[in-house]
Amino acid sequence: MKKTILTAACAMAAIGTFAQGTITMSNNNDIFAPGGADLGPNSGGTYVAELVEVPGGEVASSICPVNGGFFFGPAATGGLVTVNVAPGAPLTYQIEVWDTSFGATYAQALTVGTIGNFAGISQPFTENVNNALPAPPNTGINFPSFTVQQVTAAVSIGR
């Protein structure tokens, strides 16, 4: 009996260690192009956003398009992103945004250094994680608006 209880306790601890929750990846505040226009196709680029856990910089989502300064994605999951944080626990993260014309990843977009290459990252913010999929959507990300910057050989934008 003691072995059964001990085994069950260990199993529950292991499940808790590897628990995953979800958050809704959408924003309530605009992302701007230089000059103040809403970021997106009308501002002259093909911009995408991705969620990055802080600290460590682990990318927790696939990219999703930015249009009119806003994003919602990934579409395949109804905007929900699975993260390696237990449901109900806080998660600190940032949003990286870049023009995919200059790289398939944020890191690539930072290294190009050509005129017209713009990238940016939000301030870190914290939100409580939802239950695992399927989960009721929580509110969109309430980070302050930010503006992408031109990347040059002398500029380092990011984490």
N, C-alpha and C. Protein backbone atom coordinates (compact mmCIF):
# COMPACT_ATOMS: atom_id res chain seq x y z
N MET A 1 0.82 -1.19 0.00
CA MET A 1 0.00 0.00 0.00
C MET A 1 0.87 1.26 0.00
N LYS A 2 1.95 1.24 0.82
CA LYS A 2 2.83 2.40 0.88
C LYS A 2 3.49 2.64 -0.47
N LYS A 3 3.85 1.55 -1.17
CA LYS A 3 4.49 1.70 -2.47
C LYS A 3 3.51 2.31 -3.47
N THR A 4 2.25 1.92 -3.40
CA THR A 4 1.25 2.46 -4.32
C THR A 4 1.06 3.95 -4.09
N ILE A 5 0.97 4.35 -2.83
CA ILE A 5 0.80 5.77 -2.50
C ILE A 5 2.03 6.56 -2.93
N LEU A 6 3.21 6.03 -2.67
CA LEU A 6 4.45 6.69 -3.06
C LEU A 6 4.55 6.82 -4.58
N THR A 7 4.20 5.78 -5.31
CA THR A 7 4.23 5.81 -6.77
C THR A 7 3.24 6.85 -7.30
N ALA A 8 2.04 6.88 -6.74
CA ALA A 8 1.03 7.86 -7.17
C ALA A 8 1.51 9.28 -6.88
N ALA A 9 2.11 9.51 -5.74
CA ALA A 9 2.62 10.85 -5.39
C ALA A 9 3.72 11.28 -6.36
N CYS A 10 4.62 10.37 -6.70
CA CYS A 10 5.69 10.68 -7.65
C CYS A 10 5.13 10.99 -9.04
N ALA A 11 4.13 10.23 -9.44
CA ALA A 11 3.52 10.46 -10.75
C ALA A 11 2.85 11.83 -10.80
N MET A 12 2.15 12.20 -9.75
CA MET A 12 1.50 13.51 -9.72
C MET A 12 2.53 14.63 -9.74
N ALA A 13 3.64 14.47 -9.04
CA ALA A 13 4.70 15.48 -9.04
C ALA A 13 5.30 15.61 -10.43
N ALA A 14 5.49 14.50 -11.13
CA ALA A 14 6.04 14.53 -12.48
C ALA A 14 5.09 15.23 -13.44
N ILE A 15 3.81 14.95 -13.31
CA ILE A 15 2.81 15.60 -14.17
C ILE A 15 2.82 17.10 -13.93
N GLY A 16 2.89 17.52 -12.67
CA GLY A 16 2.93 18.94 -12.34
C GLY A 16 4.16 19.62 -12.88
N THR A 17 5.29 18.91 -12.88
CA THR A 17 6.54 19.46 -13.38
C THR A 17 6.46 19.75 -14.87
N PHE A 18 5.79 18.88 -15.62
CA PHE A 18 5.72 19.04 -17.06
C PHE A 18 4.39 19.61 -17.52
N ALA A 19 3.63 20.20 -16.61
CA ALA A 19 2.32 20.74 -16.97
C ALA A 19 2.46 21.88 -17.96
N GLN A 20 1.52 21.96 -18.87
CA GLN A 20 1.50 23.03 -19.83
C GLN A 20 0.18 23.75 -19.76
N GLY A 21 0.25 25.04 -19.92
CA GLY A 21 -0.95 25.85 -19.96
C GLY A 21 -1.01 26.58 -21.27
N THR A 22 -1.99 27.46 -21.42
CA THR A 22 -2.14 28.25 -22.64
C THR A 22 -2.38 29.71 -22.30
N ILE A 23 -2.05 30.56 -23.23
CA ILE A 23 -2.44 31.97 -23.16
C ILE A 23 -2.96 32.36 -24.54
N THR A 24 -3.74 33.41 -24.58
CA THR A 24 -4.24 33.92 -25.84
C THR A 24 -3.24 34.91 -26.39
N MET A 25 -2.76 34.67 -27.59
CA MET A 25 -1.76 35.54 -28.20
C MET A 25 -2.47 36.55 -29.10
N SER A 26 -2.88 37.64 -28.52
CA SER A 26 -3.47 38.75 -29.25
C SER A 26 -3.19 40.02 -28.46
N ASN A 27 -3.16 41.16 -29.14
CA ASN A 27 -2.82 42.40 -28.43
C ASN A 27 -3.97 43.38 -28.40
N ASN A 28 -4.00 44.15 -27.31
CA ASN A 28 -4.99 45.20 -27.13
C ASN A 28 -4.45 46.57 -27.52
N ASN A 29 -3.13 46.70 -27.66
CA ASN A 29 -2.48 47.97 -27.97
C ASN A 29 -1.68 47.82 -29.26
N ASP A 30 -1.66 48.88 -30.05
CA ASP A 30 -1.02 48.87 -31.36
C ASP A 30 0.49 48.65 -31.30
N ILE A 31 1.01 48.11 -32.39
CA ILE A 31 2.43 48.11 -32.69
C ILE A 31 2.57 49.06 -33.87
N PHE A 32 3.54 49.98 -33.78
CA PHE A 32 3.66 51.03 -34.78
C PHE A 32 4.91 50.89 -35.64
N ALA A 33 4.79 51.32 -36.89
CA ALA A 33 5.93 51.50 -37.77
C ALA A 33 6.56 52.85 -37.43
N PRO A 34 7.81 53.07 -37.78
CA PRO A 34 8.38 54.41 -37.60
C PRO A 34 7.50 55.44 -38.30
N GLY A 35 7.27 56.55 -37.66
CA GLY A 35 6.39 57.57 -38.21
C GLY A 35 4.98 57.48 -37.66
N GLY A 36 4.65 56.43 -36.91
CA GLY A 36 3.39 56.35 -36.21
C GLY A 36 2.27 55.57 -36.87
N ALA A 37 2.47 55.06 -38.10
CA ALA A 37 1.42 54.28 -38.76
C ALA A 37 1.29 52.92 -38.08
N ASP A 38 0.08 52.35 -38.11
CA ASP A 38 -0.12 51.00 -37.60
C ASP A 38 0.72 50.03 -38.42
N LEU A 39 1.42 49.13 -37.75
CA LEU A 39 2.29 48.18 -38.43
C LEU A 39 1.48 47.14 -39.18
N GLY A 40 1.92 46.81 -40.38
CA GLY A 40 1.25 45.80 -41.18
C GLY A 40 1.51 46.04 -42.65
N PRO A 41 0.77 45.36 -43.51
CA PRO A 41 1.02 45.48 -44.96
C PRO A 41 0.97 46.92 -45.47
N ASN A 42 0.07 47.75 -44.91
CA ASN A 42 -0.05 49.13 -45.38
C ASN A 42 1.14 50.00 -44.99
N SER A 43 1.95 49.54 -44.02
CA SER A 43 3.13 50.31 -43.61
C SER A 43 4.36 49.87 -44.38
N GLY A 44 4.20 49.01 -45.37
CA GLY A 44 5.29 48.67 -46.26
C GLY A 44 6.10 47.45 -45.89
N GLY A 45 5.50 46.45 -45.31
CA GLY A 45 6.26 45.25 -44.99
C GLY A 45 5.34 44.08 -44.69
N THR A 46 5.94 42.92 -44.56
CA THR A 46 5.21 41.72 -44.18
C THR A 46 5.65 41.37 -42.77
N TYR A 47 4.95 41.89 -41.79
CA TYR A 47 5.36 41.77 -40.40
C TYR A 47 4.68 40.60 -39.71
N VAL A 48 5.43 39.97 -38.81
CA VAL A 48 4.91 38.88 -38.00
C VAL A 48 5.30 39.10 -36.55
N ALA A 49 4.58 38.41 -35.67
CA ALA A 49 4.86 38.48 -34.23
C ALA A 49 5.05 37.07 -33.70
N GLU A 50 5.86 36.94 -32.66
CA GLU A 50 5.98 35.68 -31.94
C GLU A 50 6.17 35.97 -30.46
N LEU A 51 5.73 35.03 -29.65
CA LEU A 51 5.80 35.14 -28.20
C LEU A 51 7.08 34.46 -27.72
N VAL A 52 7.81 35.14 -26.82
CA VAL A 52 9.07 34.62 -26.31
C VAL A 52 9.04 34.68 -24.79
N GLU A 53 9.29 33.54 -24.16
CA GLU A 53 9.30 33.48 -22.69
C GLU A 53 10.53 34.19 -22.15
N VAL A 54 10.37 34.86 -20.99
CA VAL A 54 11.46 35.56 -20.32
C VAL A 54 11.61 34.94 -18.95
N PRO A 55 12.77 34.66 -18.43
CA PRO A 55 14.07 34.77 -19.08
C PRO A 55 14.32 33.55 -19.97
N GLY A 56 15.39 33.59 -20.69
CA GLY A 56 15.80 32.45 -21.48
C GLY A 56 15.52 32.58 -22.95
N GLY A 57 14.50 33.32 -23.33
CA GLY A 57 14.22 33.53 -24.73
C GLY A 57 13.66 32.34 -25.48
N GLU A 58 12.99 31.43 -24.79
CA GLU A 58 12.40 30.28 -25.46
C GLU A 58 11.17 30.72 -26.25
N VAL A 59 11.18 30.45 -27.54
CA VAL A 59 10.05 30.80 -28.39
C VAL A 59 8.92 29.84 -28.09
N ALA A 60 7.76 30.39 -27.74
CA ALA A 60 6.64 29.56 -27.30
C ALA A 60 5.54 29.46 -28.34
N SER A 61 5.75 30.02 -29.50
CA SER A 61 4.67 29.98 -30.48
C SER A 61 5.21 29.99 -31.89
N SER A 62 4.35 29.62 -32.80
CA SER A 62 4.67 29.86 -34.20
C SER A 62 4.32 31.32 -34.48
N ILE A 63 4.84 31.83 -35.57
CA ILE A 63 4.61 33.23 -35.87
C ILE A 63 3.20 33.47 -36.38
N CYS A 64 2.72 34.69 -36.23
CA CYS A 64 1.41 35.07 -36.76
C CYS A 64 1.52 36.46 -37.37
N PRO A 65 0.73 36.76 -38.38
CA PRO A 65 0.84 38.05 -39.07
C PRO A 65 0.38 39.23 -38.21
N VAL A 66 1.00 40.38 -38.45
CA VAL A 66 0.60 41.64 -37.83
C VAL A 66 -0.08 42.47 -38.91
N ASN A 67 -1.29 42.93 -38.63
CA ASN A 67 -2.03 43.71 -39.61
C ASN A 67 -2.75 44.83 -38.88
N GLY A 68 -2.53 46.05 -39.33
CA GLY A 68 -3.16 47.20 -38.69
C GLY A 68 -2.69 47.40 -37.26
N GLY A 69 -1.47 46.95 -36.95
CA GLY A 69 -0.91 47.11 -35.62
C GLY A 69 -1.30 46.01 -34.65
N PHE A 70 -2.12 45.05 -35.09
CA PHE A 70 -2.60 44.00 -34.20
C PHE A 70 -2.26 42.62 -34.73
N PHE A 71 -2.25 41.62 -33.84
CA PHE A 71 -2.03 40.24 -34.26
C PHE A 71 -2.95 39.33 -33.47
N PHE A 72 -3.23 38.18 -34.01
CA PHE A 72 -4.01 37.15 -33.35
C PHE A 72 -3.56 35.82 -33.93
N GLY A 73 -3.01 34.99 -33.08
CA GLY A 73 -2.55 33.74 -33.66
C GLY A 73 -1.92 32.85 -32.63
N PRO A 74 -1.49 31.69 -33.01
CA PRO A 74 -1.63 31.11 -34.35
C PRO A 74 -3.08 30.73 -34.65
N ALA A 75 -3.47 30.92 -35.89
CA ALA A 75 -4.86 30.70 -36.29
C ALA A 75 -5.30 29.26 -36.09
N ALA A 76 -4.37 28.32 -36.24
CA ALA A 76 -4.72 26.89 -36.13
C ALA A 76 -5.24 26.52 -34.75
N THR A 77 -4.89 27.30 -33.73
CA THR A 77 -5.33 27.01 -32.36
C THR A 77 -6.27 28.07 -31.82
N GLY A 78 -6.84 28.87 -32.70
CA GLY A 78 -7.76 29.91 -32.25
C GLY A 78 -7.07 30.99 -31.43
N GLY A 79 -5.80 31.21 -31.70
CA GLY A 79 -5.05 32.25 -30.99
C GLY A 79 -4.39 31.77 -29.71
N LEU A 80 -4.66 30.53 -29.30
CA LEU A 80 -4.08 30.01 -28.06
C LEU A 80 -2.66 29.48 -28.31
N VAL A 81 -1.76 29.78 -27.38
CA VAL A 81 -0.38 29.33 -27.45
C VAL A 81 -0.10 28.46 -26.24
N THR A 82 0.47 27.29 -26.47
CA THR A 82 0.85 26.40 -25.37
C THR A 82 2.21 26.81 -24.85
N VAL A 83 2.32 26.95 -23.53
CA VAL A 83 3.58 27.35 -22.89
C VAL A 83 3.96 26.32 -21.83
N ASN A 84 5.23 26.29 -21.48
CA ASN A 84 5.73 25.32 -20.51
C ASN A 84 5.63 25.86 -19.09
N VAL A 85 4.45 26.32 -18.74
CA VAL A 85 4.16 26.84 -17.41
C VAL A 85 2.84 26.22 -16.96
N ALA A 86 2.79 25.83 -15.71
CA ALA A 86 1.58 25.18 -15.19
C ALA A 86 0.39 26.13 -15.25
N PRO A 87 -0.80 25.60 -15.55
CA PRO A 87 -2.01 26.43 -15.56
C PRO A 87 -2.18 27.16 -14.23
N GLY A 88 -2.54 28.44 -14.31
CA GLY A 88 -2.73 29.26 -13.12
C GLY A 88 -1.48 29.99 -12.67
N ALA A 89 -0.31 29.55 -13.13
CA ALA A 89 0.95 30.18 -12.75
C ALA A 89 1.23 31.40 -13.63
N PRO A 90 2.00 32.35 -13.13
CA PRO A 90 2.33 33.51 -13.96
C PRO A 90 3.41 33.18 -14.99
N LEU A 91 3.34 33.82 -16.14
CA LEU A 91 4.34 33.69 -17.20
C LEU A 91 4.77 35.09 -17.60
N THR A 92 6.07 35.33 -17.62
CA THR A 92 6.60 36.60 -18.11
C THR A 92 7.11 36.38 -19.52
N TYR A 93 6.69 37.26 -20.44
CA TYR A 93 7.07 37.09 -21.83
C TYR A 93 7.09 38.41 -22.56
N GLN A 94 7.63 38.36 -23.77
CA GLN A 94 7.69 39.51 -24.66
C GLN A 94 7.17 39.11 -26.03
N ILE A 95 6.87 40.11 -26.84
CA ILE A 95 6.47 39.88 -28.22
C ILE A 95 7.56 40.45 -29.12
N GLU A 96 8.08 39.59 -30.01
CA GLU A 96 9.05 40.03 -31.01
C GLU A 96 8.30 40.25 -32.32
N VAL A 97 8.64 41.32 -33.03
CA VAL A 97 8.01 41.65 -34.30
C VAL A 97 9.11 41.98 -35.31
N TRP A 98 8.96 41.46 -36.54
CA TRP A 98 9.93 41.78 -37.58
C TRP A 98 9.30 41.63 -38.95
N ASP A 99 9.98 42.21 -39.94
CA ASP A 99 9.57 42.13 -41.33
C ASP A 99 10.19 40.87 -41.92
N THR A 100 9.37 39.93 -42.34
CA THR A 100 9.88 38.66 -42.86
C THR A 100 10.59 38.81 -44.20
N SER A 101 10.51 39.96 -44.82
CA SER A 101 11.27 40.19 -46.04
C SER A 101 12.77 40.12 -45.76
N PHE A 102 13.15 40.29 -44.47
CA PHE A 102 14.56 40.35 -44.10
C PHE A 102 15.01 39.16 -43.26
N GLY A 103 14.17 38.17 -43.11
CA GLY A 103 14.58 36.99 -42.36
C GLY A 103 13.40 36.19 -41.88
N ALA A 104 13.58 34.89 -41.81
CA ALA A 104 12.52 34.00 -41.36
C ALA A 104 12.37 34.01 -39.84
N THR A 105 13.41 34.48 -39.13
CA THR A 105 13.36 34.55 -37.67
C THR A 105 13.74 35.96 -37.22
N TYR A 106 13.40 36.25 -35.97
CA TYR A 106 13.75 37.55 -35.39
C TYR A 106 15.27 37.74 -35.40
N ALA A 107 16.03 36.72 -35.03
CA ALA A 107 17.49 36.81 -35.01
C ALA A 107 18.04 37.13 -36.40
N GLN A 108 17.49 36.50 -37.44
CA GLN A 108 17.94 36.79 -38.80
C GLN A 108 17.62 38.23 -39.19
N ALA A 109 16.46 38.72 -38.80
CA ALA A 109 16.06 40.09 -39.13
C ALA A 109 16.97 41.11 -38.46
N LEU A 110 17.55 40.77 -37.33
CA LEU A 110 18.45 41.69 -36.63
C LEU A 110 19.84 41.73 -37.26
N THR A 111 20.22 40.72 -37.98
CA THR A 111 21.58 40.66 -38.50
C THR A 111 21.73 41.19 -39.91
N VAL A 112 20.64 41.48 -40.58
CA VAL A 112 20.72 41.90 -41.97
C VAL A 112 21.35 43.28 -42.10
N GLY A 113 20.85 44.25 -41.33
CA GLY A 113 21.43 45.59 -41.31
C GLY A 113 21.26 46.39 -42.57
N THR A 114 20.22 46.12 -43.37
CA THR A 114 20.00 46.89 -44.58
C THR A 114 18.89 47.91 -44.37
N ILE A 115 18.89 48.94 -45.19
CA ILE A 115 17.86 49.98 -45.08
C ILE A 115 16.50 49.36 -45.34
N GLY A 116 15.55 49.72 -44.53
CA GLY A 116 14.19 49.19 -44.68
C GLY A 116 13.90 47.99 -43.82
N ASN A 117 14.89 47.48 -43.12
CA ASN A 117 14.69 46.34 -42.24
C ASN A 117 14.28 46.86 -40.86
N PHE A 118 13.10 46.50 -40.43
CA PHE A 118 12.60 46.97 -39.15
C PHE A 118 12.23 45.79 -38.26
N ALA A 119 12.55 45.93 -36.97
CA ALA A 119 12.24 44.90 -35.99
C ALA A 119 12.04 45.57 -34.64
N GLY A 120 11.37 44.88 -33.74
CA GLY A 120 11.16 45.44 -32.40
C GLY A 120 10.71 44.37 -31.44
N ILE A 121 10.78 44.72 -30.17
CA ILE A 121 10.38 43.79 -29.11
C ILE A 121 9.67 44.58 -28.02
N SER A 122 8.60 44.00 -27.48
CA SER A 122 7.84 44.67 -26.42
C SER A 122 8.61 44.63 -25.11
N GLN A 123 8.16 45.42 -24.17
CA GLN A 123 8.66 45.31 -22.81
C GLN A 123 8.18 43.98 -22.24
N PRO A 124 8.89 43.40 -21.26
CA PRO A 124 8.38 42.18 -20.62
C PRO A 124 7.08 42.46 -19.88
N PHE A 125 6.18 41.50 -19.87
CA PHE A 125 4.95 41.61 -19.10
C PHE A 125 4.57 40.24 -18.60
N THR A 126 3.70 40.20 -17.60
CA THR A 126 3.34 38.96 -16.94
C THR A 126 1.83 38.75 -17.00
N GLU A 127 1.44 37.51 -17.24
CA GLU A 127 0.02 37.14 -17.32
C GLU A 127 -0.13 35.73 -16.74
N ASN A 128 -1.24 35.47 -16.08
CA ASN A 128 -1.49 34.12 -15.58
C ASN A 128 -1.89 33.21 -16.72
N VAL A 129 -1.41 31.98 -16.67
CA VAL A 129 -1.62 31.00 -17.73
C VAL A 129 -2.97 30.31 -17.55
N ASN A 130 -3.66 30.05 -18.68
CA ASN A 130 -4.91 29.29 -18.67
C ASN A 130 -4.64 27.80 -18.53
N ASN A 131 -5.73 27.03 -18.45
CA ASN A 131 -5.61 25.58 -18.47
C ASN A 131 -5.12 25.12 -19.83
N ALA A 132 -4.78 23.84 -19.91
CA ALA A 132 -4.33 23.27 -21.19
C ALA A 132 -5.47 23.31 -22.20
N LEU A 133 -5.14 23.11 -23.46
CA LEU A 133 -6.15 23.12 -24.53
C LEU A 133 -7.22 22.07 -24.30
N PRO A 134 -8.46 22.26 -24.64
CA PRO A 134 -8.99 23.57 -25.00
C PRO A 134 -9.25 24.40 -23.75
N ALA A 135 -9.05 25.67 -23.85
CA ALA A 135 -9.22 26.55 -22.70
C ALA A 135 -10.06 27.76 -23.09
N PRO A 136 -10.76 28.33 -22.13
CA PRO A 136 -11.48 29.55 -22.45
C PRO A 136 -10.47 30.66 -22.72
N PRO A 137 -10.72 31.50 -23.70
CA PRO A 137 -9.75 32.55 -24.00
C PRO A 137 -9.66 33.56 -22.87
N ASN A 138 -8.44 34.01 -22.58
CA ASN A 138 -8.27 35.11 -21.65
C ASN A 138 -8.19 36.39 -22.47
N THR A 139 -8.06 37.51 -21.81
CA THR A 139 -8.01 38.77 -22.55
C THR A 139 -6.72 38.84 -23.35
N GLY A 140 -6.70 39.70 -24.32
CA GLY A 140 -5.50 39.88 -25.13
C GLY A 140 -4.39 40.49 -24.31
N ILE A 141 -3.21 40.45 -24.86
CA ILE A 141 -2.03 40.96 -24.20
C ILE A 141 -2.17 42.46 -24.05
N ASN A 142 -1.97 42.95 -22.84
CA ASN A 142 -2.20 44.35 -22.54
C ASN A 142 -0.90 45.13 -22.41
N PHE A 143 0.13 44.78 -23.21
CA PHE A 143 1.40 45.48 -23.11
C PHE A 143 1.29 46.88 -23.70
N PRO A 144 2.19 47.80 -23.28
CA PRO A 144 2.17 49.14 -23.87
C PRO A 144 2.51 49.08 -25.36
N SER A 145 1.98 50.02 -26.13
CA SER A 145 2.32 50.11 -27.54
C SER A 145 3.82 50.30 -27.69
N PHE A 146 4.38 49.82 -28.80
CA PHE A 146 5.78 50.08 -29.09
C PHE A 146 5.97 50.25 -30.58
N THR A 147 7.11 50.83 -30.96
CA THR A 147 7.43 51.10 -32.35
C THR A 147 8.64 50.28 -32.75
N VAL A 148 8.57 49.64 -33.92
CA VAL A 148 9.74 48.92 -34.41
C VAL A 148 10.80 49.93 -34.82
N GLN A 149 12.05 49.49 -34.87
CA GLN A 149 13.17 50.36 -35.19
C GLN A 149 13.93 49.81 -36.39
N GLN A 150 14.61 50.70 -37.07
CA GLN A 150 15.43 50.25 -38.19
C GLN A 150 16.67 49.55 -37.65
N VAL A 151 16.98 48.42 -38.22
CA VAL A 151 18.16 47.65 -37.82
C VAL A 151 19.33 48.08 -38.69
N THR A 152 20.45 48.42 -38.06
CA THR A 152 21.68 48.73 -38.76
C THR A 152 22.79 47.89 -38.17
N ALA A 153 23.94 47.95 -38.75
CA ALA A 153 25.08 47.17 -38.24
C ALA A 153 25.44 47.58 -36.82
N ALA A 154 25.12 48.83 -36.44
CA ALA A 154 25.51 49.33 -35.13
C ALA A 154 24.39 49.20 -34.09
N VAL A 155 23.20 48.75 -34.51
CA VAL A 155 22.06 48.70 -33.60
C VAL A 155 21.76 47.26 -33.22
N SER A 156 21.53 47.05 -31.96
CA SER A 156 21.09 45.74 -31.49
C SER A 156 19.76 45.92 -30.80
N ILE A 157 18.71 45.34 -31.37
CA ILE A 157 17.37 45.45 -30.80
C ILE A 157 17.01 44.10 -30.23
N GLY A 158 16.60 44.05 -29.00
CA GLY A 158 16.09 42.78 -28.52
C GLY A 158 16.57 42.38 -27.16
N ARG A 159 16.48 41.08 -26.91
CA ARG A 159 16.73 40.53 -25.59
C ARG A 159 18.19 40.37 -25.26
